[in-house]
């Protein structure tokens, strides 16, 4: 017994062969080719896998797609994103770089490549990709923020300020926009402007731990020790595992004459980051105020030891003199 498909094939076998050929030709002219349909369908499935978080499926399908259509930039782009979300930054960078080569006008590919480079702290090259993305799509406020961050981390603070200001013009409500601008001002020692931006960010975004901390830090740098303590104490409540918060709180307490409180804060900073020399210096000052000279001397010696062992830093240095 033959199947329906077998019977249908038999009916066309001899007497209707020419008619069948004409029908096939007409169908081919009316519809996309099977090859094109497969390519489009594969692209859609790959995007769905990415959006639904099926990363292993996305990587496998992406690998198959770039093997079959090696000059399709979107497959390279999607595969790069799949690699990045899976934690493979090296493969992600390779695929996204290839996507940008194949389609230099794809703003999103440059943007995503920049994200990979930022994750690797390759700020100079990341800035180049963000510049390319912005040249194509200048209205992308987030791209301006990220470019500003890349500039900051490659010691281009003035350019960073321009990017943050542009981002805020494009989107006044962009998350942490005023915080980033404040940080850039602070990196240039423009503390009053930094303080103003941090206060604005707190009004807009609420008590974000980093904003509260940086406001306290800038107040401390401006000599407003008592007000700095208020914000640094709050920052310590919001993020008690940040050694920098405890260090700056302890320093502010030393300067304000609260030596006993400073000792507790600075010992907490040392507990959280034993390799940082700076808390030992401030702790020595607190112990001197508490008339514990021998302990103060030991802390100064410890400061000198750690300072000598501290490697030189470049870029946005985090090391302190004291």
C-alpha atoms as a PDB file:
ATOM      1  CA  UNK A   1       0.000   0.000   0.000  1.00  0.00           C
ATOM      2  CA  UNK A   2       1.521   3.286  -1.067  1.00  0.00           C
ATOM      3  CA  UNK A   3       1.413   6.482   0.985  1.00  0.00           C
ATOM      4  CA  UNK A   4      -0.295   9.651  -0.114  1.00  0.00           C
ATOM      5  CA  UNK A   5       3.062  11.230  -0.991  1.00  0.00           C
ATOM      6  CA  UNK A   6       4.078   8.208  -3.035  1.00  0.00           C
ATOM      7  CA  UNK A   7       0.775   8.226  -4.921  1.00  0.00           C
ATOM      8  CA  UNK A   8       1.038  11.950  -5.584  1.00  0.00           C
ATOM      9  CA  UNK A   9       4.554  11.530  -6.932  1.00  0.00           C
ATOM     10  CA  UNK A  10       3.409   8.727  -9.229  1.00  0.00           C
ATOM     11  CA  UNK A  11       0.621  10.830 -10.702  1.00  0.00           C
ATOM     12  CA  UNK A  12       3.190  13.402 -11.855  1.00  0.00           C
ATOM     13  CA  UNK A  13       5.740  10.869 -13.015  1.00  0.00           C
ATOM     14  CA  UNK A  14       5.034  10.698 -16.711  1.00  0.00           C
ATOM     15  CA  UNK A  15       2.061  12.477 -18.241  1.00  0.00           C
ATOM     16  CA  UNK A  16       2.345  15.706 -16.164  1.00  0.00           C
ATOM     17  CA  UNK A  17       6.144  16.044 -15.984  1.00  0.00           C
ATOM     18  CA  UNK A  18       6.221  19.327 -17.923  1.00  0.00           C
ATOM     19  CA  UNK A  19       3.364  20.800 -15.913  1.00  0.00           C
ATOM     20  CA  UNK A  20       5.144  19.831 -12.679  1.00  0.00           C
ATOM     21  CA  UNK A  21       8.341  21.531 -13.829  1.00  0.00           C
ATOM     22  CA  UNK A  22       6.423  24.723 -14.596  1.00  0.00           C
ATOM     23  CA  UNK A  23       4.715  24.643 -11.211  1.00  0.00           C
ATOM     24  CA  UNK A  24       8.057  24.242  -9.457  1.00  0.00           C
ATOM     25  CA  UNK A  25       9.532  27.184 -11.370  1.00  0.00           C
ATOM     26  CA  UNK A  26       6.549  29.389 -10.487  1.00  0.00           C
ATOM     27  CA  UNK A  27       6.762  28.443  -6.819  1.00  0.00           C
ATOM     28  CA  UNK A  28      10.441  29.277  -6.751  1.00  0.00           C
ATOM     29  CA  UNK A  29       9.738  32.692  -8.278  1.00  0.00           C
ATOM     30  CA  UNK A  30       6.905  33.427  -5.846  1.00  0.00           C
ATOM     31  CA  UNK A  31       8.616  32.322  -2.589  1.00  0.00           C
ATOM     32  CA  UNK A  32      11.998  32.948  -0.958  1.00  0.00           C
ATOM     33  CA  UNK A  33      14.435  30.125  -1.421  1.00  0.00           C
ATOM     34  CA  UNK A  34      14.728  27.446   1.232  1.00  0.00           C
ATOM     35  CA  UNK A  35      18.276  28.672   1.865  1.00  0.00           C
ATOM     36  CA  UNK A  36      17.054  32.210   2.647  1.00  0.00           C
ATOM     37  CA  UNK A  37      14.224  30.942   4.816  1.00  0.00           C
ATOM     38  CA  UNK A  38      16.672  28.835   6.814  1.00  0.00           C
ATOM     39  CA  UNK A  39      19.028  31.767   7.300  1.00  0.00           C
ATOM     40  CA  UNK A  40      16.237  34.050   8.496  1.00  0.00           C
ATOM     41  CA  UNK A  41      14.770  31.341  10.691  1.00  0.00           C
ATOM     42  CA  UNK A  42      18.145  30.588  12.218  1.00  0.00           C
ATOM     43  CA  UNK A  43      18.671  34.247  12.975  1.00  0.00           C
ATOM     44  CA  UNK A  44      15.275  34.456  14.675  1.00  0.00           C
ATOM     45  CA  UNK A  45      15.877  31.300  16.721  1.00  0.00           C
ATOM     46  CA  UNK A  46      19.313  32.507  17.807  1.00  0.00           C
ATOM     47  CA  UNK A  47      17.859  35.787  18.974  1.00  0.00           C
ATOM     48  CA  UNK A  48      15.121  33.967  20.887  1.00  0.00           C
ATOM     49  CA  UNK A  49      17.692  31.762  22.625  1.00  0.00           C
ATOM     50  CA  UNK A  50      19.640  34.839  23.676  1.00  0.00           C
ATOM     51  CA  UNK A  51      16.590  36.686  24.966  1.00  0.00           C
ATOM     52  CA  UNK A  52      15.315  33.664  26.896  1.00  0.00           C
ATOM     53  CA  UNK A  53      18.705  32.968  28.480  1.00  0.00           C
ATOM     54  CA  UNK A  54      19.316  29.626  26.754  1.00  0.00           C
ATOM     55  CA  UNK A  55      22.989  30.443  26.347  1.00  0.00           C
ATOM     56  CA  UNK A  56      24.321  26.973  25.572  1.00  0.00           C
ATOM     57  CA  UNK A  57      21.771  26.612  22.796  1.00  0.00           C
ATOM     58  CA  UNK A  58      22.639  30.100  21.537  1.00  0.00           C
ATOM     59  CA  UNK A  59      26.361  29.352  21.433  1.00  0.00           C
ATOM     60  CA  UNK A  60      25.852  26.048  19.609  1.00  0.00           C
ATOM     61  CA  UNK A  61      23.422  27.516  17.089  1.00  0.00           C
ATOM     62  CA  UNK A  62      25.633  30.571  16.617  1.00  0.00           C
ATOM     63  CA  UNK A  63      28.666  28.397  15.918  1.00  0.00           C
ATOM     64  CA  UNK A  64      26.705  26.460  13.301  1.00  0.00           C
ATOM     65  CA  UNK A  65      25.410  29.690  11.756  1.00  0.00           C
ATOM     66  CA  UNK A  66      28.789  31.405  11.393  1.00  0.00           C
ATOM     67  CA  UNK A  67      30.171  28.206   9.899  1.00  0.00           C
ATOM     68  CA  UNK A  68      27.422  28.136   7.284  1.00  0.00           C
ATOM     69  CA  UNK A  69      27.157  31.932   6.713  1.00  0.00           C
ATOM     70  CA  UNK A  70      30.598  33.271   7.704  1.00  0.00           C
ATOM     71  CA  UNK A  71      30.014  36.731   6.218  1.00  0.00           C
ATOM     72  CA  UNK A  72      26.727  37.410   7.985  1.00  0.00           C
ATOM     73  CA  UNK A  73      27.572  40.113  10.590  1.00  0.00           C
ATOM     74  CA  UNK A  74      24.456  39.518  12.679  1.00  0.00           C
ATOM     75  CA  UNK A  75      25.363  35.887  13.327  1.00  0.00           C
ATOM     76  CA  UNK A  76      28.828  37.022  14.443  1.00  0.00           C
ATOM     77  CA  UNK A  77      27.235  39.692  16.625  1.00  0.00           C
ATOM     78  CA  UNK A  78      24.742  37.333  18.280  1.00  0.00           C
ATOM     79  CA  UNK A  79      27.370  34.660  18.829  1.00  0.00           C
ATOM     80  CA  UNK A  80      29.655  37.247  20.430  1.00  0.00           C
ATOM     81  CA  UNK A  81      26.875  38.254  22.815  1.00  0.00           C
ATOM     82  CA  UNK A  82      26.197  34.593  23.632  1.00  0.00           C
ATOM     83  CA  UNK A  83      29.869  34.029  24.418  1.00  0.00           C
ATOM     84  CA  UNK A  84      30.009  37.156  26.583  1.00  0.00           C
ATOM     85  CA  UNK A  85      26.921  36.210  28.573  1.00  0.00           C
ATOM     86  CA  UNK A  86      28.446  32.749  29.036  1.00  0.00           C
ATOM     87  CA  UNK A  87      31.627  34.258  30.493  1.00  0.00           C
ATOM     88  CA  UNK A  88      33.931  33.733  27.518  1.00  0.00           C
ATOM     89  CA  UNK A  89      35.196  37.262  26.880  1.00  0.00           C
ATOM     90  CA  UNK A  90      37.990  36.193  24.525  1.00  0.00           C
ATOM     91  CA  UNK A  91      35.655  34.446  22.067  1.00  0.00           C
ATOM     92  CA  UNK A  92      33.127  37.258  22.469  1.00  0.00           C
ATOM     93  CA  UNK A  93      35.706  39.857  21.499  1.00  0.00           C
ATOM     94  CA  UNK A  94      36.774  37.826  18.466  1.00  0.00           C
ATOM     95  CA  UNK A  95      33.243  37.434  17.113  1.00  0.00           C
ATOM     96  CA  UNK A  96      32.180  41.027  17.816  1.00  0.00           C
ATOM     97  CA  UNK A  97      35.347  42.372  16.207  1.00  0.00           C
ATOM     98  CA  UNK A  98      34.553  40.316  13.116  1.00  0.00           C
ATOM     99  CA  UNK A  99      30.960  41.610  13.154  1.00  0.00           C
ATOM    100  CA  UNK A 100      32.242  45.199  13.187  1.00  0.00           C
ATOM    101  CA  UNK A 101      34.616  44.416  10.320  1.00  0.00           C
ATOM    102  CA  UNK A 102      31.781  42.953   8.253  1.00  0.00           C
ATOM    103  CA  UNK A 103      29.391  45.813   9.020  1.00  0.00           C
ATOM    104  CA  UNK A 104      31.241  48.915  10.271  1.00  0.00           C
ATOM    105  CA  UNK A 105      27.955  50.847  10.433  1.00  0.00           C
ATOM    106  CA  UNK A 106      26.367  48.573  13.056  1.00  0.00           C
ATOM    107  CA  UNK A 107      26.286  50.831  16.107  1.00  0.00           C
ATOM    108  CA  UNK A 108      25.087  48.017  18.397  1.00  0.00           C
ATOM    109  CA  UNK A 109      28.015  45.768  17.481  1.00  0.00           C
ATOM    110  CA  UNK A 110      30.529  48.495  18.374  1.00  0.00           C
ATOM    111  CA  UNK A 111      28.640  49.114  21.620  1.00  0.00           C
ATOM    112  CA  UNK A 112      28.607  45.439  22.620  1.00  0.00           C
ATOM    113  CA  UNK A 113      32.283  45.051  21.721  1.00  0.00           C
ATOM    114  CA  UNK A 114      33.000  48.020  23.993  1.00  0.00           C
ATOM    115  CA  UNK A 115      31.166  46.266  26.853  1.00  0.00           C
ATOM    116  CA  UNK A 116      33.446  43.254  26.453  1.00  0.00           C
ATOM    117  CA  UNK A 117      36.532  45.472  26.409  1.00  0.00           C
ATOM    118  CA  UNK A 118      35.357  47.380  29.477  1.00  0.00           C
ATOM    119  CA  UNK A 119      34.925  44.089  31.333  1.00  0.00           C
ATOM    120  CA  UNK A 120      38.591  43.379  30.565  1.00  0.00           C
ATOM    121  CA  UNK A 121      39.605  46.885  31.711  1.00  0.00           C
ATOM    122  CA  UNK A 122      40.842  47.658  28.206  1.00  0.00           C
ATOM    123  CA  UNK A 123      39.635  51.230  28.478  1.00  0.00           C
ATOM    124  CA  UNK A 124      41.537  52.811  25.591  1.00  0.00           C
ATOM    125  CA  UNK A 125      40.249  50.390  22.949  1.00  0.00           C
ATOM    126  CA  UNK A 126      36.781  50.386  24.529  1.00  0.00           C
ATOM    127  CA  UNK A 127      36.707  54.166  24.115  1.00  0.00           C
ATOM    128  CA  UNK A 128      37.501  53.793  20.414  1.00  0.00           C
ATOM    129  CA  UNK A 129      34.569  51.400  19.932  1.00  0.00           C
ATOM    130  CA  UNK A 130      32.210  53.659  21.876  1.00  0.00           C
ATOM    131  CA  UNK A 131      33.308  56.620  19.786  1.00  0.00           C
ATOM    132  CA  UNK A 132      32.449  54.596  16.671  1.00  0.00           C
ATOM    133  CA  UNK A 133      29.061  53.643  18.117  1.00  0.00           C
ATOM    134  CA  UNK A 134      28.246  57.243  19.034  1.00  0.00           C
ATOM    135  CA  UNK A 135      29.287  58.520  15.616  1.00  0.00           C
ATOM    136  CA  UNK A 136      26.618  56.256  14.125  1.00  0.00           C
ATOM    137  CA  UNK A 137      24.003  56.756  16.878  1.00  0.00           C
ATOM    138  CA  UNK A 138      24.786  60.015  18.720  1.00  0.00           C
ATOM    139  CA  UNK A 139      21.511  59.921  20.695  1.00  0.00           C
ATOM    140  CA  UNK A 140      22.546  56.887  22.793  1.00  0.00           C
ATOM    141  CA  UNK A 141      22.883  58.418  26.271  1.00  0.00           C
ATOM    142  CA  UNK A 142      24.227  55.229  27.847  1.00  0.00           C
ATOM    143  CA  UNK A 143      27.016  55.056  25.261  1.00  0.00           C
ATOM    144  CA  UNK A 144      28.073  58.568  26.299  1.00  0.00           C
ATOM    145  CA  UNK A 145      28.116  57.512  29.969  1.00  0.00           C
ATOM    146  CA  UNK A 146      30.242  54.462  29.216  1.00  0.00           C
ATOM    147  CA  UNK A 147      32.569  56.520  27.041  1.00  0.00           C
ATOM    148  CA  UNK A 148      32.954  58.940  29.926  1.00  0.00           C
ATOM    149  CA  UNK A 149      33.851  56.052  32.229  1.00  0.00           C
ATOM    150  CA  UNK A 150      36.403  54.779  29.699  1.00  0.00           C
ATOM    151  CA  UNK A 151      37.921  58.260  29.477  1.00  0.00           C
ATOM    152  CA  UNK A 152      38.084  58.535  33.267  1.00  0.00           C
ATOM    153  CA  UNK A 153      39.915  55.251  33.560  1.00  0.00           C
ATOM    154  CA  UNK A 154      42.451  56.333  30.948  1.00  0.00           C
ATOM    155  CA  UNK A 155      43.120  59.690  32.647  1.00  0.00           C
ATOM    156  CA  UNK A 156      41.048  61.844  30.311  1.00  0.00           C
ATOM    157  CA  UNK A 157      38.838  63.492  32.924  1.00  0.00           C
ATOM    158  CA  UNK A 158      38.054  66.666  30.967  1.00  0.00           C
ATOM    159  CA  UNK A 159      36.746  64.622  28.026  1.00  0.00           C
ATOM    160  CA  UNK A 160      34.830  62.445  30.487  1.00  0.00           C
ATOM    161  CA  UNK A 161      33.031  65.487  31.884  1.00  0.00           C
ATOM    162  CA  UNK A 162      31.903  66.459  28.374  1.00  0.00           C
ATOM    163  CA  UNK A 163      30.501  62.955  27.774  1.00  0.00           C
ATOM    164  CA  UNK A 164      28.604  62.882  31.066  1.00  0.00           C
ATOM    165  CA  UNK A 165      27.119  66.313  30.379  1.00  0.00           C
ATOM    166  CA  UNK A 166      26.033  65.157  26.920  1.00  0.00           C
ATOM    167  CA  UNK A 167      24.419  62.046  28.389  1.00  0.00           C
ATOM    168  CA  UNK A 168      22.450  64.154  30.886  1.00  0.00           C
ATOM    169  CA  UNK A 169      21.271  66.476  28.109  1.00  0.00           C
ATOM    170  CA  UNK A 170      20.038  63.497  26.112  1.00  0.00           C
ATOM    171  CA  UNK A 171      18.439  61.816  29.130  1.00  0.00           C
ATOM    172  CA  UNK A 172      18.236  63.924  32.316  1.00  0.00           C
ATOM    173  CA  UNK A 173      16.954  60.894  34.230  1.00  0.00           C
ATOM    174  CA  UNK A 174      19.721  58.495  33.180  1.00  0.00           C
ATOM    175  CA  UNK A 175      20.717  56.316  36.115  1.00  0.00           C
ATOM    176  CA  UNK A 176      23.755  57.602  38.060  1.00  0.00           C
ATOM    177  CA  UNK A 177      24.455  60.272  35.458  1.00  0.00           C
ATOM    178  CA  UNK A 178      25.094  62.959  38.064  1.00  0.00           C
ATOM    179  CA  UNK A 179      27.146  60.514  40.125  1.00  0.00           C
ATOM    180  CA  UNK A 180      29.511  59.883  37.212  1.00  0.00           C
ATOM    181  CA  UNK A 181      29.791  63.614  36.529  1.00  0.00           C
ATOM    182  CA  UNK A 182      30.530  64.229  40.198  1.00  0.00           C
ATOM    183  CA  UNK A 183      33.214  61.554  40.193  1.00  0.00           C
ATOM    184  CA  UNK A 184      34.876  63.192  37.192  1.00  0.00           C
ATOM    185  CA  UNK A 185      34.859  66.566  38.933  1.00  0.00           C
ATOM    186  CA  UNK A 186      36.314  64.951  42.048  1.00  0.00           C
ATOM    187  CA  UNK A 187      39.132  63.356  40.056  1.00  0.00           C
ATOM    188  CA  UNK A 188      40.221  66.887  39.103  1.00  0.00           C
ATOM    189  CA  UNK A 189      39.965  68.165  42.664  1.00  0.00           C
ATOM    190  CA  UNK A 190      36.841  70.187  41.851  1.00  0.00           C
ATOM    191  CA  UNK A 191      35.162  69.053  45.050  1.00  0.00           C
ATOM    192  CA  UNK A 192      32.466  71.720  45.321  1.00  0.00           C
ATOM    193  CA  UNK A 193      31.148  70.771  41.875  1.00  0.00           C
ATOM    194  CA  UNK A 194      31.429  67.092  42.773  1.00  0.00           C
ATOM    195  CA  UNK A 195      29.437  67.638  45.984  1.00  0.00           C
ATOM    196  CA  UNK A 196      26.684  69.433  44.060  1.00  0.00           C
ATOM    197  CA  UNK A 197      26.386  66.558  41.560  1.00  0.00           C
ATOM    198  CA  UNK A 198      26.296  63.915  44.316  1.00  0.00           C
ATOM    199  CA  UNK A 199      23.562  65.813  46.148  1.00  0.00           C
ATOM    200  CA  UNK A 200      21.546  65.977  42.918  1.00  0.00           C
ATOM    201  CA  UNK A 201      22.015  62.237  42.359  1.00  0.00           C
ATOM    202  CA  UNK A 202      20.819  61.455  45.894  1.00  0.00           C
ATOM    203  CA  UNK A 203      17.685  63.514  45.308  1.00  0.00           C
ATOM    204  CA  UNK A 204      16.984  61.688  42.054  1.00  0.00           C
ATOM    205  CA  UNK A 205      18.042  58.125  42.841  1.00  0.00           C
ATOM    206  CA  UNK A 206      17.861  57.725  46.613  1.00  0.00           C
ATOM    207  CA  UNK A 207      20.549  56.295  48.865  1.00  0.00           C
ATOM    208  CA  UNK A 208      22.828  54.451  46.491  1.00  0.00           C
ATOM    209  CA  UNK A 209      25.836  53.297  48.610  1.00  0.00           C
ATOM    210  CA  UNK A 210      28.491  54.609  46.220  1.00  0.00           C
ATOM    211  CA  UNK A 211      26.834  58.007  45.921  1.00  0.00           C
ATOM    212  CA  UNK A 212      26.559  58.389  49.697  1.00  0.00           C
ATOM    213  CA  UNK A 213      30.183  57.340  50.110  1.00  0.00           C
ATOM    214  CA  UNK A 214      31.539  59.653  47.401  1.00  0.00           C
ATOM    215  CA  UNK A 215      29.582  62.582  48.830  1.00  0.00           C
ATOM    216  CA  UNK A 216      31.101  61.911  52.239  1.00  0.00           C
ATOM    217  CA  UNK A 217      34.556  61.547  50.696  1.00  0.00           C
ATOM    218  CA  UNK A 218      34.281  64.829  48.781  1.00  0.00           C
ATOM    219  CA  UNK A 219      33.072  66.628  51.898  1.00  0.00           C
ATOM    220  CA  UNK A 220      36.090  65.248  53.743  1.00  0.00           C
ATOM    221  CA  UNK A 221      38.420  66.416  50.962  1.00  0.00           C
ATOM    222  CA  UNK A 222      36.818  69.866  51.226  1.00  0.00           C
ATOM    223  CA  UNK A 223      37.554  70.082  54.952  1.00  0.00           C
ATOM    224  CA  UNK A 224      33.920  69.627  55.998  1.00  0.00           C
ATOM    225  CA  UNK A 225      34.753  66.847  58.440  1.00  0.00           C
ATOM    226  CA  UNK A 226      31.639  66.903  60.626  1.00  0.00           C
ATOM    227  CA  UNK A 227      29.237  66.719  57.660  1.00  0.00           C
ATOM    228  CA  UNK A 228      31.453  64.097  56.037  1.00  0.00           C
ATOM    229  CA  UNK A 229      31.089  61.865  59.106  1.00  0.00           C
ATOM    230  CA  UNK A 230      27.294  61.893  58.754  1.00  0.00           C
ATOM    231  CA  UNK A 231      27.417  60.576  55.183  1.00  0.00           C
ATOM    232  CA  UNK A 232      30.310  58.184  55.787  1.00  0.00           C
ATOM    233  CA  UNK A 233      28.532  56.627  58.756  1.00  0.00           C
ATOM    234  CA  UNK A 234      25.490  56.106  56.559  1.00  0.00           C
ATOM    235  CA  UNK A 235      27.684  54.643  53.810  1.00  0.00           C
ATOM    236  CA  UNK A 236      29.118  52.197  56.350  1.00  0.00           C
ATOM    237  CA  UNK A 237      25.592  51.095  57.216  1.00  0.00           C
ATOM    238  CA  UNK A 238      24.687  50.642  53.555  1.00  0.00           C
ATOM    239  CA  UNK A 239      27.911  48.826  52.607  1.00  0.00           C
ATOM    240  CA  UNK A 240      29.706  47.579  55.742  1.00  0.00           C
ATOM    241  CA  UNK A 241      32.173  45.463  53.761  1.00  0.00           C
ATOM    242  CA  UNK A 242      33.792  48.360  51.895  1.00  0.00           C
ATOM    243  CA  UNK A 243      37.203  49.083  53.501  1.00  0.00           C
ATOM    244  CA  UNK A 244      37.408  52.523  51.855  1.00  0.00           C
ATOM    245  CA  UNK A 245      34.259  53.639  53.653  1.00  0.00           C
ATOM    246  CA  UNK A 246      35.712  52.690  57.034  1.00  0.00           C
ATOM    247  CA  UNK A 247      39.066  54.294  56.209  1.00  0.00           C
ATOM    248  CA  UNK A 248      37.553  57.634  55.252  1.00  0.00           C
ATOM    249  CA  UNK A 249      35.189  57.531  58.207  1.00  0.00           C
ATOM    250  CA  UNK A 250      38.133  56.881  60.522  1.00  0.00           C
ATOM    251  CA  UNK A 251      40.138  59.704  58.927  1.00  0.00           C
ATOM    252  CA  UNK A 252      37.221  62.122  59.327  1.00  0.00           C
ATOM    253  CA  UNK A 253      36.827  61.073  62.959  1.00  0.00           C
ATOM    254  CA  UNK A 254      40.545  61.653  63.620  1.00  0.00           C
ATOM    255  CA  UNK A 255      40.314  65.143  62.122  1.00  0.00           C
ATOM    256  CA  UNK A 256      37.181  65.880  64.160  1.00  0.00           C
ATOM    257  CA  UNK A 257      38.815  64.835  67.420  1.00  0.00           C
ATOM    258  CA  UNK A 258      36.894  61.585  67.880  1.00  0.00           C
ATOM    259  CA  UNK A 259      39.949  59.372  68.351  1.00  0.00           C
ATOM    260  CA  UNK A 260      38.230  56.428  70.068  1.00  0.00           C
ATOM    261  CA  UNK A 261      35.598  56.165  67.317  1.00  0.00           C
ATOM    262  CA  UNK A 262      38.330  56.549  64.727  1.00  0.00           C
ATOM    263  CA  UNK A 263      40.273  53.627  66.178  1.00  0.00           C
ATOM    264  CA  UNK A 264      37.277  51.318  65.773  1.00  0.00           C
ATOM    265  CA  UNK A 265      36.621  52.471  62.191  1.00  0.00           C
ATOM    266  CA  UNK A 266      40.248  52.150  61.124  1.00  0.00           C
ATOM    267  CA  UNK A 267      40.656  48.687  62.639  1.00  0.00           C
ATOM    268  CA  UNK A 268      37.579  47.658  60.664  1.00  0.00           C
ATOM    269  CA  UNK A 269      39.193  48.979  57.479  1.00  0.00           C
ATOM    270  CA  UNK A 270      42.372  47.010  58.240  1.00  0.00           C
ATOM    271  CA  UNK A 271      40.334  43.870  58.860  1.00  0.00           C
ATOM    272  CA  UNK A 272      38.683  44.208  55.452  1.00  0.00           C
ATOM    273  CA  UNK A 273      41.875  45.076  53.528  1.00  0.00           C
ATOM    274  CA  UNK A 274      45.040  44.060  55.348  1.00  0.00           C
ATOM    275  CA  UNK A 275      47.338  45.163  52.495  1.00  0.00           C
ATOM    276  CA  UNK A 276      46.314  48.830  52.490  1.00  0.00           C
ATOM    277  CA  UNK A 277      48.931  50.930  54.335  1.00  0.00           C
ATOM    278  CA  UNK A 278      46.785  54.068  54.773  1.00  0.00           C
ATOM    279  CA  UNK A 279      44.572  52.941  57.687  1.00  0.00           C
ATOM    280  CA  UNK A 280      47.702  52.186  59.721  1.00  0.00           C
ATOM    281  CA  UNK A 281      48.892  55.767  59.287  1.00  0.00           C
ATOM    282  CA  UNK A 282      45.575  57.208  60.443  1.00  0.00           C
ATOM    283  CA  UNK A 283      45.345  54.657  63.247  1.00  0.00           C
ATOM    284  CA  UNK A 284      48.760  55.802  64.501  1.00  0.00           C
ATOM    285  CA  UNK A 285      47.412  59.368  64.639  1.00  0.00           C
ATOM    286  CA  UNK A 286      44.354  58.224  66.579  1.00  0.00           C
ATOM    287  CA  UNK A 287      46.464  56.237  69.043  1.00  0.00           C
ATOM    288  CA  UNK A 288      48.727  59.243  69.601  1.00  0.00           C
ATOM    289  CA  UNK A 289      45.686  61.314  70.493  1.00  0.00           C
ATOM    290  CA  UNK A 290      44.711  58.554  72.914  1.00  0.00           C
ATOM    291  CA  UNK A 291      48.237  58.742  74.408  1.00  0.00           C
ATOM    292  CA  UNK A 292      49.167  55.176  73.409  1.00  0.00           C
ATOM    293  CA  UNK A 293      52.594  55.999  72.019  1.00  0.00           C
ATOM    294  CA  UNK A 294      54.003  52.474  71.701  1.00  0.00           C
ATOM    295  CA  UNK A 295      51.004  51.232  69.731  1.00  0.00           C
ATOM    296  CA  UNK A 296      51.146  54.344  67.570  1.00  0.00           C
ATOM    297  CA  UNK A 297      54.820  53.701  66.789  1.00  0.00           C
ATOM    298  CA  UNK A 298      54.033  50.111  65.790  1.00  0.00           C
ATOM    299  CA  UNK A 299      51.310  51.307  63.435  1.00  0.00           C
ATOM    300  CA  UNK A 300      53.652  53.810  61.769  1.00  0.00           C
ATOM    301  CA  UNK A 301      56.198  51.040  61.232  1.00  0.00           C
ATOM    302  CA  UNK A 302      53.502  48.831  59.747  1.00  0.00           C
ATOM    303  CA  UNK A 303      52.449  51.691  57.466  1.00  0.00           C
ATOM    304  CA  UNK A 304      56.031  52.079  56.206  1.00  0.00           C
ATOM    305  CA  UNK A 305      56.372  48.337  55.548  1.00  0.00           C
ATOM    306  CA  UNK A 306      53.155  48.106  53.577  1.00  0.00           C
ATOM    307  CA  UNK A 307      53.864  51.321  51.694  1.00  0.00           C
ATOM    308  CA  UNK A 308      57.226  49.999  50.572  1.00  0.00           C
ATOM    309  CA  UNK A 309      55.662  46.742  49.377  1.00  0.00           C
ATOM    310  CA  UNK A 310      52.848  48.502  47.523  1.00  0.00           C
ATOM    311  CA  UNK A 311      53.240  48.289  43.720  1.00  0.00           C
ATOM    312  CA  UNK A 312      53.251  51.401  41.591  1.00  0.00           C
ATOM    313  CA  UNK A 313      49.881  52.186  40.059  1.00  0.00           C
ATOM    314  CA  UNK A 314      48.803  53.693  36.751  1.00  0.00           C
ATOM    315  CA  UNK A 315      45.576  55.147  35.397  1.00  0.00           C
ATOM    316  CA  UNK A 316      42.982  55.889  38.054  1.00  0.00           C
ATOM    317  CA  UNK A 317      45.291  55.153  40.982  1.00  0.00           C
ATOM    318  CA  UNK A 318      43.762  54.034  44.232  1.00  0.00           C
ATOM    319  CA  UNK A 319      46.899  54.164  46.361  1.00  0.00           C
ATOM    320  CA  UNK A 320      47.069  56.872  49.053  1.00  0.00           C
ATOM    321  CA  UNK A 321      49.994  58.697  50.543  1.00  0.00           C
ATOM    322  CA  UNK A 322      48.540  58.481  54.025  1.00  0.00           C
END
